[in-house]
Amino acid sequence: MKLKCYFAHPYYMKDTKEAKRILEILEDRRIQIINPFVADNKIYEKHGVKGYFPTTPYKLGRDIWTKVMNQLNTSNMALFWIPEDKRLPPIGHFMTTARGCYAEIQEAVNIQHRRNRQNIPYIIQFITKDKHPLIAWALCSPNQLYDGIYEFEHFRQTRWK
């Protein structure tokens, strides 16, 4: 069975050397990558906008969210990269720049719980130094945490302290 990985990461980091390095690592491991930012231009054109930011029309947001949920559900693994300069919002402060990743983590954990009941594995991994309660909740299952890209590349998991 070939792994299909949904790669969640900030929009503003999508073309950086760090993001490209993570994609290379996944490709080296022969993991099929589902990148949520690929093909967004077609959705933008449909709604007559050039991008998701600074404001998002409701129907554009709905179409992108539907696409993301479908991508998460067709994957059998999710990798969340939260760079060092970003943190997830505090519980109850959903409307920040990291809101997509926040909701994607919640949905990935829900998918994992549903699939576990069917004895179908679903892997969730994090590359972050953020010690957010949502990440702690996701790590209650046998998921994996890495402090950085180097640790991810060399399979050096981090223990939550």
N, C-alpha and C. Protein backbone atom coordinates (compact mmCIF):
# COMPACT_ATOMS: atom_id res chain seq x y z
N MET A 1 0.84 -1.18 0.00
CA MET A 1 0.00 0.00 0.00
C MET A 1 0.89 1.25 0.00
N LYS A 2 0.67 2.12 -0.96
CA LYS A 2 1.44 3.35 -1.03
C LYS A 2 0.81 4.40 -0.13
N LEU A 3 1.66 5.05 0.67
CA LEU A 3 1.17 6.10 1.56
C LEU A 3 0.84 7.35 0.75
N LYS A 4 -0.29 7.98 1.10
CA LYS A 4 -0.66 9.28 0.54
C LYS A 4 -0.69 10.26 1.70
N CYS A 5 0.16 11.27 1.64
CA CYS A 5 0.33 12.21 2.74
C CYS A 5 -0.26 13.57 2.40
N TYR A 6 -1.17 14.03 3.24
CA TYR A 6 -1.68 15.40 3.16
C TYR A 6 -0.66 16.29 3.89
N PHE A 7 -0.05 17.23 3.20
CA PHE A 7 1.00 18.08 3.76
C PHE A 7 0.42 19.46 4.12
N ALA A 8 0.08 19.65 5.39
CA ALA A 8 -0.49 20.91 5.87
C ALA A 8 0.64 21.84 6.30
N HIS A 9 0.60 23.06 5.78
CA HIS A 9 1.63 24.06 6.09
C HIS A 9 1.07 25.44 5.76
N PRO A 10 1.71 26.49 6.31
CA PRO A 10 1.18 27.84 6.07
C PRO A 10 1.27 28.26 4.60
N TYR A 11 0.26 28.97 4.17
CA TYR A 11 0.21 29.45 2.78
C TYR A 11 1.44 30.27 2.44
N TYR A 12 1.86 31.14 3.35
CA TYR A 12 2.98 32.03 3.05
C TYR A 12 4.31 31.28 2.96
N MET A 13 4.35 30.01 3.39
CA MET A 13 5.57 29.21 3.34
C MET A 13 5.58 28.20 2.19
N LYS A 14 4.56 28.23 1.34
CA LYS A 14 4.39 27.17 0.35
C LYS A 14 5.52 27.07 -0.67
N ASP A 15 6.21 28.16 -0.95
CA ASP A 15 7.28 28.14 -1.96
C ASP A 15 8.67 28.30 -1.37
N THR A 16 8.83 28.10 -0.08
CA THR A 16 10.12 28.29 0.57
C THR A 16 11.01 27.07 0.41
N LYS A 17 12.30 27.27 0.65
CA LYS A 17 13.24 26.14 0.57
C LYS A 17 12.92 25.08 1.63
N GLU A 18 12.39 25.51 2.78
CA GLU A 18 12.04 24.55 3.83
C GLU A 18 10.90 23.64 3.37
N ALA A 19 9.87 24.23 2.78
CA ALA A 19 8.74 23.44 2.29
C ALA A 19 9.21 22.49 1.19
N LYS A 20 10.06 22.98 0.31
CA LYS A 20 10.59 22.13 -0.76
C LYS A 20 11.41 20.99 -0.19
N ARG A 21 12.15 21.24 0.89
CA ARG A 21 12.95 20.18 1.52
C ARG A 21 12.04 19.09 2.10
N ILE A 22 10.97 19.49 2.75
CA ILE A 22 10.03 18.51 3.30
C ILE A 22 9.42 17.68 2.17
N LEU A 23 9.05 18.33 1.07
CA LEU A 23 8.50 17.61 -0.07
C LEU A 23 9.51 16.61 -0.64
N GLU A 24 10.79 17.02 -0.70
CA GLU A 24 11.85 16.11 -1.17
C GLU A 24 11.98 14.89 -0.26
N ILE A 25 11.91 15.11 1.05
CA ILE A 25 12.01 14.00 2.01
C ILE A 25 10.87 13.01 1.78
N LEU A 26 9.66 13.54 1.62
CA LEU A 26 8.51 12.66 1.38
C LEU A 26 8.67 11.90 0.06
N GLU A 27 9.13 12.58 -0.97
CA GLU A 27 9.35 11.92 -2.26
C GLU A 27 10.43 10.84 -2.14
N ASP A 28 11.51 11.13 -1.41
CA ASP A 28 12.57 10.13 -1.20
C ASP A 28 12.04 8.89 -0.50
N ARG A 29 11.05 9.07 0.35
CA ARG A 29 10.43 7.95 1.07
C ARG A 29 9.33 7.28 0.24
N ARG A 30 9.18 7.74 -1.01
CA ARG A 30 8.19 7.21 -1.94
C ARG A 30 6.76 7.36 -1.42
N ILE A 31 6.52 8.51 -0.82
CA ILE A 31 5.18 8.83 -0.30
C ILE A 31 4.52 9.79 -1.29
N GLN A 32 3.32 9.46 -1.71
CA GLN A 32 2.57 10.35 -2.60
C GLN A 32 2.13 11.57 -1.81
N ILE A 33 2.33 12.75 -2.35
CA ILE A 33 2.07 14.00 -1.63
C ILE A 33 0.77 14.63 -2.12
N ILE A 34 -0.06 15.00 -1.15
CA ILE A 34 -1.25 15.80 -1.43
C ILE A 34 -0.96 17.19 -0.87
N ASN A 35 -0.68 18.13 -1.75
CA ASN A 35 -0.35 19.49 -1.34
C ASN A 35 -1.60 20.35 -1.50
N PRO A 36 -2.14 20.88 -0.40
CA PRO A 36 -3.42 21.60 -0.49
C PRO A 36 -3.38 22.86 -1.34
N PHE A 37 -2.18 23.38 -1.65
CA PHE A 37 -2.11 24.63 -2.40
C PHE A 37 -1.99 24.41 -3.91
N VAL A 38 -1.85 23.17 -4.34
CA VAL A 38 -1.79 22.87 -5.76
C VAL A 38 -3.20 22.98 -6.33
N ALA A 39 -3.33 23.61 -7.45
CA ALA A 39 -4.60 23.76 -8.18
C ALA A 39 -5.56 24.76 -7.54
N ASP A 40 -5.11 25.54 -6.56
CA ASP A 40 -5.98 26.58 -6.00
C ASP A 40 -6.30 27.66 -7.03
N ASN A 41 -5.41 27.87 -7.99
CA ASN A 41 -5.63 28.92 -8.99
C ASN A 41 -6.93 28.70 -9.75
N LYS A 42 -7.30 27.45 -10.00
CA LYS A 42 -8.57 27.18 -10.70
C LYS A 42 -9.75 27.63 -9.86
N ILE A 43 -9.66 27.42 -8.55
CA ILE A 43 -10.75 27.85 -7.66
C ILE A 43 -10.79 29.38 -7.60
N TYR A 44 -9.62 30.02 -7.57
CA TYR A 44 -9.57 31.49 -7.56
C TYR A 44 -10.22 32.04 -8.82
N GLU A 45 -9.87 31.46 -9.97
CA GLU A 45 -10.44 31.93 -11.24
C GLU A 45 -11.96 31.78 -11.24
N LYS A 46 -12.44 30.68 -10.73
CA LYS A 46 -13.89 30.43 -10.67
C LYS A 46 -14.60 31.54 -9.90
N HIS A 47 -13.94 32.06 -8.86
CA HIS A 47 -14.55 33.09 -8.01
C HIS A 47 -14.09 34.50 -8.37
N GLY A 48 -13.24 34.63 -9.40
CA GLY A 48 -12.82 35.94 -9.86
C GLY A 48 -11.90 36.69 -8.90
N VAL A 49 -11.06 35.96 -8.16
CA VAL A 49 -10.10 36.59 -7.25
C VAL A 49 -8.70 36.08 -7.58
N LYS A 50 -7.70 36.79 -7.05
CA LYS A 50 -6.31 36.39 -7.31
C LYS A 50 -5.72 35.53 -6.20
N GLY A 51 -6.38 35.46 -5.07
CA GLY A 51 -5.85 34.67 -3.97
C GLY A 51 -6.79 34.63 -2.78
N TYR A 52 -6.38 33.91 -1.80
CA TYR A 52 -7.18 33.68 -0.60
C TYR A 52 -7.13 34.86 0.36
N PHE A 53 -6.02 35.57 0.37
CA PHE A 53 -5.82 36.68 1.31
C PHE A 53 -5.91 38.00 0.58
N PRO A 54 -6.22 39.13 1.20
CA PRO A 54 -6.42 39.35 2.63
C PRO A 54 -7.84 39.03 3.10
N THR A 55 -8.83 39.09 2.19
CA THR A 55 -10.19 38.72 2.60
C THR A 55 -10.64 37.56 1.73
N THR A 56 -11.49 36.74 2.28
CA THR A 56 -11.94 35.55 1.57
C THR A 56 -13.44 35.59 1.40
N PRO A 57 -13.93 35.63 0.16
CA PRO A 57 -15.37 35.53 -0.04
C PRO A 57 -15.87 34.18 0.49
N TYR A 58 -17.08 34.18 1.02
CA TYR A 58 -17.63 32.98 1.65
C TYR A 58 -17.59 31.76 0.73
N LYS A 59 -18.07 31.91 -0.51
CA LYS A 59 -18.14 30.76 -1.42
C LYS A 59 -16.75 30.25 -1.79
N LEU A 60 -15.77 31.13 -1.89
CA LEU A 60 -14.39 30.70 -2.14
C LEU A 60 -13.89 29.88 -0.96
N GLY A 61 -14.08 30.39 0.25
CA GLY A 61 -13.67 29.66 1.44
C GLY A 61 -14.33 28.30 1.54
N ARG A 62 -15.61 28.25 1.22
CA ARG A 62 -16.35 26.97 1.26
C ARG A 62 -15.78 25.99 0.25
N ASP A 63 -15.51 26.45 -0.97
CA ASP A 63 -14.96 25.55 -2.00
C ASP A 63 -13.58 25.03 -1.62
N ILE A 64 -12.75 25.92 -1.09
CA ILE A 64 -11.41 25.49 -0.67
C ILE A 64 -11.52 24.51 0.49
N TRP A 65 -12.39 24.80 1.45
CA TRP A 65 -12.54 23.91 2.61
C TRP A 65 -13.06 22.54 2.19
N THR A 66 -13.98 22.50 1.26
CA THR A 66 -14.50 21.22 0.75
C THR A 66 -13.37 20.43 0.09
N LYS A 67 -12.54 21.12 -0.69
CA LYS A 67 -11.39 20.46 -1.34
C LYS A 67 -10.44 19.90 -0.29
N VAL A 68 -10.14 20.70 0.74
CA VAL A 68 -9.22 20.26 1.81
C VAL A 68 -9.77 19.05 2.54
N MET A 69 -11.05 19.05 2.88
CA MET A 69 -11.64 17.90 3.58
C MET A 69 -11.58 16.64 2.72
N ASN A 70 -11.83 16.79 1.43
CA ASN A 70 -11.74 15.64 0.52
C ASN A 70 -10.30 15.13 0.46
N GLN A 71 -9.33 16.05 0.41
CA GLN A 71 -7.94 15.63 0.35
C GLN A 71 -7.51 14.92 1.64
N LEU A 72 -7.92 15.44 2.79
CA LEU A 72 -7.60 14.77 4.05
C LEU A 72 -8.21 13.37 4.10
N ASN A 73 -9.44 13.25 3.62
CA ASN A 73 -10.12 11.95 3.67
C ASN A 73 -9.56 10.94 2.67
N THR A 74 -8.95 11.39 1.59
CA THR A 74 -8.35 10.45 0.64
C THR A 74 -6.93 10.08 1.02
N SER A 75 -6.35 10.78 1.97
CA SER A 75 -4.99 10.45 2.42
C SER A 75 -5.04 9.36 3.49
N ASN A 76 -3.88 8.76 3.76
CA ASN A 76 -3.80 7.83 4.89
C ASN A 76 -2.72 8.28 5.87
N MET A 77 -2.33 9.54 5.72
CA MET A 77 -1.34 10.15 6.60
C MET A 77 -1.45 11.67 6.45
N ALA A 78 -1.21 12.38 7.56
CA ALA A 78 -1.21 13.85 7.51
C ALA A 78 0.06 14.34 8.20
N LEU A 79 0.75 15.26 7.55
CA LEU A 79 1.95 15.88 8.10
C LEU A 79 1.68 17.37 8.28
N PHE A 80 1.82 17.85 9.51
CA PHE A 80 1.59 19.25 9.83
C PHE A 80 2.92 19.92 10.14
N TRP A 81 3.26 20.91 9.32
CA TRP A 81 4.48 21.68 9.55
C TRP A 81 4.07 23.07 10.02
N ILE A 82 4.43 23.37 11.26
CA ILE A 82 4.17 24.69 11.83
C ILE A 82 5.54 25.31 12.10
N PRO A 83 5.99 26.24 11.24
CA PRO A 83 7.33 26.81 11.38
C PRO A 83 7.53 27.48 12.74
N GLU A 84 8.80 27.68 13.09
CA GLU A 84 9.13 28.23 14.40
C GLU A 84 8.53 29.61 14.65
N ASP A 85 8.33 30.40 13.59
CA ASP A 85 7.80 31.75 13.79
C ASP A 85 6.27 31.76 13.89
N LYS A 86 5.63 30.59 13.81
CA LYS A 86 4.17 30.49 13.88
C LYS A 86 3.77 29.65 15.07
N ARG A 87 2.62 29.96 15.61
CA ARG A 87 2.02 29.18 16.68
C ARG A 87 0.54 29.03 16.35
N LEU A 88 -0.04 27.94 16.81
CA LEU A 88 -1.48 27.81 16.67
C LEU A 88 -2.15 28.82 17.59
N PRO A 89 -3.36 29.27 17.25
CA PRO A 89 -4.03 30.25 18.10
C PRO A 89 -4.46 29.61 19.42
N PRO A 90 -4.59 30.43 20.47
CA PRO A 90 -5.10 29.88 21.74
C PRO A 90 -6.50 29.30 21.53
N ILE A 91 -6.88 28.34 22.37
CA ILE A 91 -8.21 27.77 22.28
C ILE A 91 -9.24 28.90 22.38
N GLY A 92 -10.19 28.92 21.48
CA GLY A 92 -11.22 29.95 21.47
C GLY A 92 -10.89 31.14 20.59
N HIS A 93 -9.65 31.24 20.10
CA HIS A 93 -9.24 32.34 19.21
C HIS A 93 -8.99 31.76 17.83
N PHE A 94 -10.04 31.34 17.19
CA PHE A 94 -9.94 30.60 15.94
C PHE A 94 -9.53 31.48 14.76
N MET A 95 -9.92 32.73 14.74
CA MET A 95 -9.72 33.57 13.56
C MET A 95 -8.35 34.23 13.55
N THR A 96 -7.34 33.47 13.24
CA THR A 96 -5.98 33.98 13.09
C THR A 96 -5.40 33.41 11.81
N THR A 97 -4.15 33.74 11.52
CA THR A 97 -3.54 33.26 10.29
C THR A 97 -3.30 31.76 10.29
N ALA A 98 -3.32 31.11 11.44
CA ALA A 98 -3.08 29.66 11.50
C ALA A 98 -4.40 28.89 11.58
N ARG A 99 -5.51 29.51 11.25
CA ARG A 99 -6.80 28.86 11.45
C ARG A 99 -6.97 27.63 10.59
N GLY A 100 -6.39 27.59 9.40
CA GLY A 100 -6.54 26.41 8.55
C GLY A 100 -5.91 25.19 9.17
N CYS A 101 -4.69 25.34 9.64
CA CYS A 101 -3.97 24.21 10.25
C CYS A 101 -4.70 23.73 11.50
N TYR A 102 -5.24 24.64 12.26
CA TYR A 102 -5.98 24.32 13.48
C TYR A 102 -7.14 23.37 13.16
N ALA A 103 -7.92 23.74 12.17
CA ALA A 103 -9.07 22.93 11.80
C ALA A 103 -8.65 21.63 11.10
N GLU A 104 -7.57 21.68 10.34
CA GLU A 104 -7.08 20.47 9.68
C GLU A 104 -6.63 19.43 10.70
N ILE A 105 -5.99 19.87 11.78
CA ILE A 105 -5.57 18.94 12.84
C ILE A 105 -6.80 18.27 13.45
N GLN A 106 -7.82 19.08 13.76
CA GLN A 106 -9.04 18.51 14.34
C GLN A 106 -9.66 17.47 13.41
N GLU A 107 -9.72 17.78 12.13
CA GLU A 107 -10.32 16.84 11.18
C GLU A 107 -9.45 15.59 11.03
N ALA A 108 -8.13 15.74 11.00
CA ALA A 108 -7.24 14.58 10.88
C ALA A 108 -7.42 13.64 12.07
N VAL A 109 -7.54 14.20 13.27
CA VAL A 109 -7.76 13.35 14.46
C VAL A 109 -9.11 12.65 14.36
N ASN A 110 -10.13 13.36 13.88
CA ASN A 110 -11.45 12.72 13.69
C ASN A 110 -11.36 11.57 12.69
N ILE A 111 -10.65 11.79 11.58
CA ILE A 111 -10.47 10.73 10.58
C ILE A 111 -9.74 9.55 11.22
N GLN A 112 -8.69 9.85 12.00
CA GLN A 112 -7.93 8.79 12.64
C GLN A 112 -8.81 7.95 13.56
N HIS A 113 -9.66 8.60 14.34
CA HIS A 113 -10.55 7.87 15.24
C HIS A 113 -11.55 7.00 14.46
N ARG A 114 -12.11 7.56 13.39
CA ARG A 114 -13.06 6.78 12.57
C ARG A 114 -12.38 5.56 11.95
N ARG A 115 -11.18 5.76 11.42
CA ARG A 115 -10.48 4.65 10.76
C ARG A 115 -9.99 3.61 11.76
N ASN A 116 -9.59 4.05 12.95
CA ASN A 116 -9.15 3.10 13.97
C ASN A 116 -10.27 2.13 14.33
N ARG A 117 -11.50 2.61 14.35
CA ARG A 117 -12.64 1.73 14.64
C ARG A 117 -12.82 0.66 13.56
N GLN A 118 -12.28 0.95 12.36
CA GLN A 118 -12.36 0.00 11.25
C GLN A 118 -11.04 -0.75 11.05
N ASN A 119 -10.11 -0.57 11.98
CA ASN A 119 -8.77 -1.17 11.90
C ASN A 119 -8.00 -0.73 10.65
N ILE A 120 -8.20 0.53 10.25
CA ILE A 120 -7.48 1.11 9.12
C ILE A 120 -6.54 2.17 9.69
N PRO A 121 -5.24 2.02 9.48
CA PRO A 121 -4.30 2.98 10.07
C PRO A 121 -4.38 4.37 9.42
N TYR A 122 -4.19 5.38 10.23
CA TYR A 122 -4.08 6.77 9.76
C TYR A 122 -3.01 7.42 10.63
N ILE A 123 -1.96 7.90 10.00
CA ILE A 123 -0.79 8.44 10.71
C ILE A 123 -0.85 9.96 10.72
N ILE A 124 -0.56 10.55 11.88
CA ILE A 124 -0.48 12.01 11.99
C ILE A 124 0.91 12.36 12.52
N GLN A 125 1.61 13.25 11.81
CA GLN A 125 2.93 13.68 12.23
C GLN A 125 2.97 15.20 12.29
N PHE A 126 3.82 15.72 13.19
CA PHE A 126 3.99 17.16 13.35
C PHE A 126 5.46 17.51 13.26
N ILE A 127 5.76 18.59 12.56
CA ILE A 127 7.08 19.21 12.61
C ILE A 127 6.85 20.59 13.22
N THR A 128 7.14 20.72 14.50
CA THR A 128 6.88 21.97 15.21
C THR A 128 7.53 21.96 16.58
N LYS A 129 7.74 23.15 17.09
CA LYS A 129 8.15 23.29 18.49
C LYS A 129 7.00 23.84 19.33
N ASP A 130 5.86 24.05 18.69
CA ASP A 130 4.67 24.59 19.36
C ASP A 130 4.12 23.54 20.32
N LYS A 131 3.90 23.92 21.55
CA LYS A 131 3.35 23.02 22.57
C LYS A 131 1.89 23.36 22.83
N HIS A 132 1.11 23.40 21.78
CA HIS A 132 -0.30 23.76 21.84
C HIS A 132 -1.13 22.60 22.37
N PRO A 133 -2.18 22.88 23.15
CA PRO A 133 -3.04 21.80 23.67
C PRO A 133 -3.66 20.93 22.57
N LEU A 134 -3.95 21.50 21.41
CA LEU A 134 -4.51 20.72 20.31
C LEU A 134 -3.51 19.67 19.82
N ILE A 135 -2.24 20.03 19.78
CA ILE A 135 -1.20 19.08 19.38
C ILE A 135 -1.06 18.01 20.46
N ALA A 136 -1.12 18.41 21.72
CA ALA A 136 -1.06 17.43 22.82
C ALA A 136 -2.20 16.43 22.69
N TRP A 137 -3.38 16.92 22.36
CA TRP A 137 -4.55 16.05 22.19
C TRP A 137 -4.30 15.07 21.03
N ALA A 138 -3.77 15.56 19.92
CA ALA A 138 -3.49 14.69 18.78
C ALA A 138 -2.42 13.65 19.12
N LEU A 139 -1.48 14.02 19.99
CA LEU A 139 -0.40 13.10 20.35
C LEU A 139 -0.83 12.04 21.36
N CYS A 140 -2.07 12.11 21.84
CA CYS A 140 -2.58 11.05 22.74
C CYS A 140 -2.66 9.72 22.01
N SER A 141 -2.87 9.76 20.72
CA SER A 141 -2.81 8.56 19.89
C SER A 141 -1.35 8.37 19.50
N PRO A 142 -0.99 7.22 18.96
CA PRO A 142 0.43 7.01 18.64
C PRO A 142 0.87 7.79 17.40
N ASN A 143 0.87 9.10 17.51
CA ASN A 143 1.31 9.97 16.43
C ASN A 143 2.72 10.44 16.74
N GLN A 144 3.32 11.18 15.82
CA GLN A 144 4.73 11.50 15.93
C GLN A 144 4.98 13.01 15.91
N LEU A 145 5.95 13.43 16.74
CA LEU A 145 6.32 14.84 16.86
C LEU A 145 7.81 14.98 16.58
N TYR A 146 8.15 15.97 15.75
CA TYR A 146 9.54 16.28 15.43
C TYR A 146 9.75 17.78 15.67
N ASP A 147 10.90 18.13 16.27
CA ASP A 147 11.20 19.55 16.56
C ASP A 147 11.52 20.36 15.31
N GLY A 148 12.02 19.72 14.28
CA GLY A 148 12.41 20.45 13.08
C GLY A 148 12.51 19.53 11.87
N ILE A 149 12.83 20.12 10.73
CA ILE A 149 12.92 19.37 9.48
C ILE A 149 14.05 18.34 9.54
N TYR A 150 15.19 18.73 10.12
CA TYR A 150 16.32 17.80 10.25
C TYR A 150 15.91 16.57 11.05
N GLU A 151 15.22 16.78 12.16
CA GLU A 151 14.77 15.66 12.99
C GLU A 151 13.78 14.76 12.23
N PHE A 152 12.90 15.39 11.45
CA PHE A 152 11.96 14.63 10.64
C PHE A 152 12.69 13.78 9.62
N GLU A 153 13.66 14.39 8.96
CA GLU A 153 14.42 13.68 7.92
C GLU A 153 15.16 12.47 8.49
N HIS A 154 15.66 12.59 9.71
CA HIS A 154 16.47 11.53 10.32
C HIS A 154 15.69 10.71 11.36
N PHE A 155 14.38 10.79 11.33
CA PHE A 155 13.50 9.99 12.20
C PHE A 155 13.82 10.18 13.69
N ARG A 156 14.13 11.40 14.09
CA ARG A 156 14.43 11.68 15.50
C ARG A 156 13.21 12.32 16.14
N GLN A 157 12.35 11.47 16.68
CA GLN A 157 11.13 11.97 17.29
C GLN A 157 11.44 12.72 18.58
N THR A 158 10.58 13.67 18.90
CA THR A 158 10.70 14.47 20.10
C THR A 158 9.73 13.93 21.14
N ARG A 159 10.17 13.87 22.37
CA ARG A 159 9.26 13.52 23.46
C ARG A 159 8.65 14.80 24.02
N TRP A 160 7.37 14.78 24.23
CA TRP A 160 6.68 15.95 24.80
C TRP A 160 7.09 16.09 26.25
N LYS A 161 7.56 17.27 26.61
CA LYS A 161 7.99 17.51 28.01
C LYS A 161 7.17 18.60 28.64
